């Protein structure tokens, strides 16, 4: 999710997702290009975000960041599955 949404505050969206029982357990990763990153960092984690990344303006930097993040969450991170088995 990006904090810099054009018509709504990204943190408000994150709050709505946390308030909804169906979306509460989704692991949210936040992208921000804000110069107020310390405030966004604190608010994002308070709302349950799992990570905050700077949104790179250069496309190649952005794709590299997304590839690295995706690799971690899909290949390295272990989560509990039903029945107590980890992925």
Protein backbone atom coordinates (compact mmCIF):
# COMPACT_ATOMS: atom_id res chain seq x y z
CA UNK A 1 0.00 0.00 0.00
CA UNK A 2 1.18 3.53 -0.63
CA UNK A 3 0.57 6.38 1.78
CA UNK A 4 0.38 8.89 -1.08
CA UNK A 5 -3.01 7.98 -2.48
CA UNK A 6 -4.55 10.76 -4.61
CA UNK A 7 -8.02 11.04 -3.00
CA UNK A 8 -7.72 9.42 0.41
CA UNK A 9 -5.10 9.22 3.15
CA UNK A 10 -3.26 5.91 2.94
CA UNK A 11 -3.13 5.63 6.73
CA UNK A 12 -6.93 5.97 6.82
CA UNK A 13 -7.14 3.04 4.38
CA UNK A 14 -4.82 1.02 6.60
CA UNK A 15 -7.05 1.80 9.60
CA UNK A 16 -10.13 0.65 7.66
CA UNK A 17 -8.39 -2.58 6.71
CA UNK A 18 -7.45 -3.22 10.34
CA UNK A 19 -11.03 -2.52 11.46
CA UNK A 20 -12.48 -5.04 8.99
CA UNK A 21 -12.50 -8.63 10.21
CA UNK A 22 -11.99 -9.96 6.67
CA UNK A 23 -8.84 -7.91 5.98
CA UNK A 24 -7.41 -7.59 9.50
CA UNK A 25 -4.81 -10.34 9.11
CA UNK A 26 -3.38 -9.20 5.75
CA UNK A 27 0.29 -8.28 6.05
CA UNK A 28 0.50 -4.66 4.94
CA UNK A 29 3.71 -3.23 3.54
CA UNK A 30 3.70 0.55 3.25
CA UNK A 31 5.42 2.59 0.54
CA UNK A 32 5.93 6.29 1.13
CA UNK A 33 7.61 9.17 -0.65
CA UNK A 34 6.77 11.52 2.20
CA UNK A 35 9.41 13.72 3.76
CA UNK A 36 7.57 13.10 7.05
CA UNK A 37 8.68 9.46 7.19
CA UNK A 38 9.24 9.34 10.99
CA UNK A 39 5.58 10.27 11.58
CA UNK A 40 4.33 7.91 8.90
CA UNK A 41 6.63 5.17 10.21
CA UNK A 42 5.21 5.41 13.73
CA UNK A 43 1.59 5.64 12.55
CA UNK A 44 1.99 2.76 10.08
CA UNK A 45 3.42 0.39 12.66
CA UNK A 46 0.80 1.47 15.21
CA UNK A 47 -1.85 0.47 12.66
CA UNK A 48 -0.20 -2.92 12.19
CA UNK A 49 1.93 -2.47 9.09
CA UNK A 50 4.69 -5.07 8.85
CA UNK A 51 7.21 -2.89 6.99
CA UNK A 52 7.69 0.61 5.59
CA UNK A 53 9.75 1.29 2.48
CA UNK A 54 10.69 4.51 0.75
CA UNK A 55 8.95 4.82 -2.62
CA UNK A 56 11.78 5.31 -5.13
CA UNK A 57 11.17 7.75 -7.94
CA UNK A 58 13.34 5.84 -10.41
CA UNK A 59 11.51 2.85 -11.86
CA UNK A 60 14.54 0.52 -11.68
CA UNK A 61 15.04 1.34 -7.98
CA UNK A 62 11.35 0.75 -7.34
CA UNK A 63 11.32 -2.63 -9.12
CA UNK A 64 14.47 -3.69 -7.28
CA UNK A 65 12.86 -2.81 -3.94
CA UNK A 66 9.65 -4.67 -4.82
CA UNK A 67 11.61 -7.73 -5.98
CA UNK A 68 13.60 -7.80 -2.74
CA UNK A 69 10.53 -7.37 -0.58
CA UNK A 70 8.61 -9.99 -2.54
CA UNK A 71 11.50 -12.42 -2.22
CA UNK A 72 11.58 -12.01 1.52
CA UNK A 73 7.84 -12.40 2.10
CA UNK A 74 7.46 -15.30 -0.33
CA UNK A 75 10.70 -17.22 0.18
CA UNK A 76 12.21 -16.39 3.58
CA UNK A 77 9.38 -15.42 5.93
CA UNK A 78 7.67 -18.28 7.76
CA UNK A 79 4.06 -18.00 8.87
CA UNK A 80 1.94 -20.35 10.95
CA UNK A 81 -0.62 -22.28 8.93
CA UNK A 82 -3.77 -24.00 10.18
CA UNK A 83 -2.81 -27.11 12.10
CA UNK A 84 0.40 -25.60 13.44
CA UNK A 85 2.55 -26.22 10.35
CA UNK A 86 4.78 -23.35 9.20
CA UNK A 87 5.09 -22.37 5.57
